[in-house]
């Protein structure tokens, strides 16, 4: 909270706090999605490596 725990917040103060928390959460999701998109090839290599290591044959299903 931006205020001390001993003070009481009004309804509009709660809405303001809620709004900022939603904005920060959405920003974190967007930043995470962008980083994941940039490194998708390396991420897929890491996820598929154990299956390739044991020599299993598989195909990834994707939508085109």
N, C-alpha and C. Protein backbone atom coordinates (compact mmCIF):
# COMPACT_ATOMS: atom_id res chain seq x y z
N UNK A 1 0.84 -1.18 0.00
CA UNK A 1 0.00 0.00 0.00
C UNK A 1 0.88 1.23 0.00
N UNK A 2 0.38 2.27 -0.60
CA UNK A 2 1.15 3.50 -0.64
C UNK A 2 1.02 4.29 0.65
N UNK A 3 -0.02 4.03 1.43
CA UNK A 3 -0.22 4.71 2.71
C UNK A 3 0.15 3.76 3.84
N UNK A 4 0.28 4.30 5.03
CA UNK A 4 0.60 3.45 6.17
C UNK A 4 -0.60 2.58 6.52
N UNK A 5 -0.34 1.49 7.21
CA UNK A 5 -1.40 0.56 7.56
C UNK A 5 -2.35 1.12 8.60
N UNK A 6 -1.92 2.12 9.37
CA UNK A 6 -2.77 2.65 10.43
C UNK A 6 -3.82 3.62 9.89
N UNK A 7 -3.60 4.22 8.74
CA UNK A 7 -4.60 5.16 8.20
C UNK A 7 -5.63 4.39 7.38
N UNK A 8 -6.84 4.93 7.35
CA UNK A 8 -7.90 4.30 6.59
C UNK A 8 -7.99 4.95 5.22
N UNK A 9 -8.26 4.12 4.23
CA UNK A 9 -8.39 4.62 2.87
C UNK A 9 -9.87 4.71 2.53
N UNK A 10 -10.23 5.74 1.80
CA UNK A 10 -11.59 5.87 1.32
C UNK A 10 -11.82 4.99 0.10
N UNK A 11 -13.05 4.97 -0.35
CA UNK A 11 -13.41 4.13 -1.50
C UNK A 11 -12.63 4.52 -2.74
N UNK A 12 -12.53 5.81 -3.03
CA UNK A 12 -11.81 6.26 -4.22
C UNK A 12 -10.32 5.96 -4.10
N UNK A 13 -9.77 6.03 -2.89
CA UNK A 13 -8.37 5.67 -2.69
C UNK A 13 -8.14 4.19 -3.00
N UNK A 14 -9.10 3.36 -2.61
CA UNK A 14 -9.00 1.94 -2.91
C UNK A 14 -9.07 1.70 -4.42
N UNK A 15 -9.95 2.41 -5.09
CA UNK A 15 -10.04 2.27 -6.55
C UNK A 15 -8.75 2.71 -7.23
N UNK A 16 -8.16 3.78 -6.75
CA UNK A 16 -6.89 4.26 -7.31
C UNK A 16 -5.79 3.21 -7.12
N UNK A 17 -5.71 2.66 -5.93
CA UNK A 17 -4.72 1.62 -5.64
C UNK A 17 -4.95 0.39 -6.51
N UNK A 18 -6.20 -0.01 -6.66
CA UNK A 18 -6.56 -1.16 -7.50
C UNK A 18 -6.18 -0.91 -8.95
N UNK A 19 -6.45 0.29 -9.43
CA UNK A 19 -6.13 0.65 -10.82
C UNK A 19 -4.63 0.53 -11.07
N UNK A 20 -3.82 1.05 -10.16
CA UNK A 20 -2.37 0.98 -10.35
C UNK A 20 -1.86 -0.45 -10.27
N UNK A 21 -2.45 -1.26 -9.44
CA UNK A 21 -2.01 -2.66 -9.35
C UNK A 21 -2.37 -3.41 -10.63
N UNK A 22 -3.52 -3.13 -11.21
CA UNK A 22 -3.90 -3.76 -12.47
C UNK A 22 -2.97 -3.31 -13.59
N UNK A 23 -2.66 -2.02 -13.63
CA UNK A 23 -1.75 -1.51 -14.66
C UNK A 23 -0.38 -2.16 -14.54
N UNK A 24 0.14 -2.27 -13.33
CA UNK A 24 1.45 -2.90 -13.12
C UNK A 24 1.42 -4.38 -13.50
N UNK A 25 0.32 -5.05 -13.18
CA UNK A 25 0.20 -6.47 -13.52
C UNK A 25 0.15 -6.67 -15.03
N UNK A 26 -0.64 -5.85 -15.71
CA UNK A 26 -0.72 -5.95 -17.17
C UNK A 26 0.62 -5.62 -17.82
N UNK A 27 1.32 -4.63 -17.30
CA UNK A 27 2.64 -4.29 -17.83
C UNK A 27 3.60 -5.46 -17.67
N UNK A 28 3.55 -6.13 -16.53
CA UNK A 28 4.42 -7.29 -16.31
C UNK A 28 4.10 -8.42 -17.28
N UNK A 29 2.82 -8.66 -17.54
CA UNK A 29 2.42 -9.70 -18.49
C UNK A 29 2.89 -9.35 -19.90
N UNK A 30 2.72 -8.10 -20.30
CA UNK A 30 3.14 -7.67 -21.64
C UNK A 30 4.65 -7.79 -21.79
N UNK A 31 5.40 -7.34 -20.80
CA UNK A 31 6.86 -7.43 -20.85
C UNK A 31 7.30 -8.90 -20.91
N UNK A 32 6.67 -9.75 -20.12
CA UNK A 32 6.98 -11.18 -20.15
C UNK A 32 6.67 -11.80 -21.50
N UNK A 33 5.56 -11.41 -22.11
CA UNK A 33 5.20 -11.93 -23.43
C UNK A 33 6.20 -11.49 -24.49
N UNK A 34 6.63 -10.24 -24.42
CA UNK A 34 7.61 -9.74 -25.38
C UNK A 34 8.94 -10.48 -25.24
N UNK A 35 9.39 -10.65 -24.01
CA UNK A 35 10.65 -11.37 -23.77
C UNK A 35 10.53 -12.82 -24.24
N UNK A 36 9.40 -13.45 -23.97
CA UNK A 36 9.19 -14.83 -24.42
C UNK A 36 9.18 -14.92 -25.94
N UNK A 37 8.56 -13.96 -26.60
CA UNK A 37 8.52 -13.96 -28.06
C UNK A 37 9.91 -13.80 -28.65
N UNK A 38 10.73 -12.96 -28.03
CA UNK A 38 12.09 -12.73 -28.53
C UNK A 38 12.93 -14.00 -28.41
N UNK A 39 12.79 -14.72 -27.30
CA UNK A 39 13.63 -15.89 -27.04
C UNK A 39 12.90 -17.21 -27.27
N UNK A 40 11.85 -17.22 -28.11
CA UNK A 40 11.04 -18.42 -28.28
C UNK A 40 11.83 -19.61 -28.80
N UNK A 41 12.78 -19.37 -29.70
CA UNK A 41 13.56 -20.48 -30.25
C UNK A 41 14.40 -21.16 -29.16
N UNK A 42 15.07 -20.38 -28.34
CA UNK A 42 15.88 -20.93 -27.26
C UNK A 42 15.00 -21.63 -26.22
N UNK A 43 13.85 -21.05 -25.92
CA UNK A 43 12.92 -21.67 -24.96
C UNK A 43 12.45 -23.03 -25.47
N UNK A 44 12.10 -23.10 -26.76
CA UNK A 44 11.66 -24.37 -27.33
C UNK A 44 12.78 -25.40 -27.33
N UNK A 45 14.01 -24.98 -27.61
CA UNK A 45 15.15 -25.91 -27.56
C UNK A 45 15.29 -26.51 -26.16
N UNK A 46 15.18 -25.67 -25.15
CA UNK A 46 15.31 -26.13 -23.77
C UNK A 46 14.19 -27.11 -23.41
N UNK A 47 12.97 -26.83 -23.85
CA UNK A 47 11.83 -27.69 -23.52
C UNK A 47 11.87 -29.02 -24.26
N UNK A 48 12.40 -29.02 -25.48
CA UNK A 48 12.40 -30.23 -26.31
C UNK A 48 13.65 -31.08 -26.06
N UNK A 49 14.70 -30.51 -25.51
CA UNK A 49 15.98 -31.20 -25.34
C UNK A 49 15.87 -32.54 -24.61
N UNK A 50 15.13 -32.67 -23.51
CA UNK A 50 15.07 -33.98 -22.83
C UNK A 50 14.47 -35.08 -23.72
N UNK A 51 13.49 -34.74 -24.52
CA UNK A 51 12.87 -35.73 -25.40
C UNK A 51 13.84 -36.14 -26.50
N UNK A 52 14.56 -35.19 -27.06
CA UNK A 52 15.54 -35.51 -28.09
C UNK A 52 16.71 -36.31 -27.51
N UNK A 53 17.04 -36.06 -26.27
CA UNK A 53 18.16 -36.74 -25.62
C UNK A 53 17.92 -38.24 -25.51
N UNK A 54 16.69 -38.65 -25.28
CA UNK A 54 16.39 -40.08 -25.17
C UNK A 54 16.08 -40.70 -26.53
N UNK A 55 16.07 -39.88 -27.57
CA UNK A 55 15.89 -40.40 -28.92
C UNK A 55 14.45 -40.66 -29.32
N UNK A 56 13.52 -40.13 -28.61
CA UNK A 56 12.10 -40.34 -28.94
C UNK A 56 11.73 -39.54 -30.18
N UNK A 57 10.90 -40.14 -31.00
CA UNK A 57 10.41 -39.46 -32.20
C UNK A 57 9.10 -38.76 -31.84
N UNK A 58 9.01 -37.49 -32.18
CA UNK A 58 7.80 -36.74 -31.89
C UNK A 58 7.69 -35.58 -32.87
N UNK A 59 6.51 -35.03 -32.96
CA UNK A 59 6.28 -33.82 -33.75
C UNK A 59 5.48 -32.84 -32.89
N UNK A 60 5.78 -31.58 -33.07
CA UNK A 60 5.03 -30.55 -32.37
C UNK A 60 3.86 -30.14 -33.25
N UNK A 61 2.69 -30.06 -32.68
CA UNK A 61 1.52 -29.63 -33.42
C UNK A 61 1.35 -28.13 -33.24
N UNK A 62 1.24 -27.42 -34.34
CA UNK A 62 1.07 -25.97 -34.29
C UNK A 62 -0.07 -25.58 -35.20
N UNK A 63 -0.67 -24.46 -34.92
CA UNK A 63 -1.72 -23.92 -35.78
C UNK A 63 -1.08 -22.99 -36.79
N UNK A 64 -1.48 -23.09 -38.02
CA UNK A 64 -0.93 -22.21 -39.06
C UNK A 64 -2.03 -21.39 -39.67
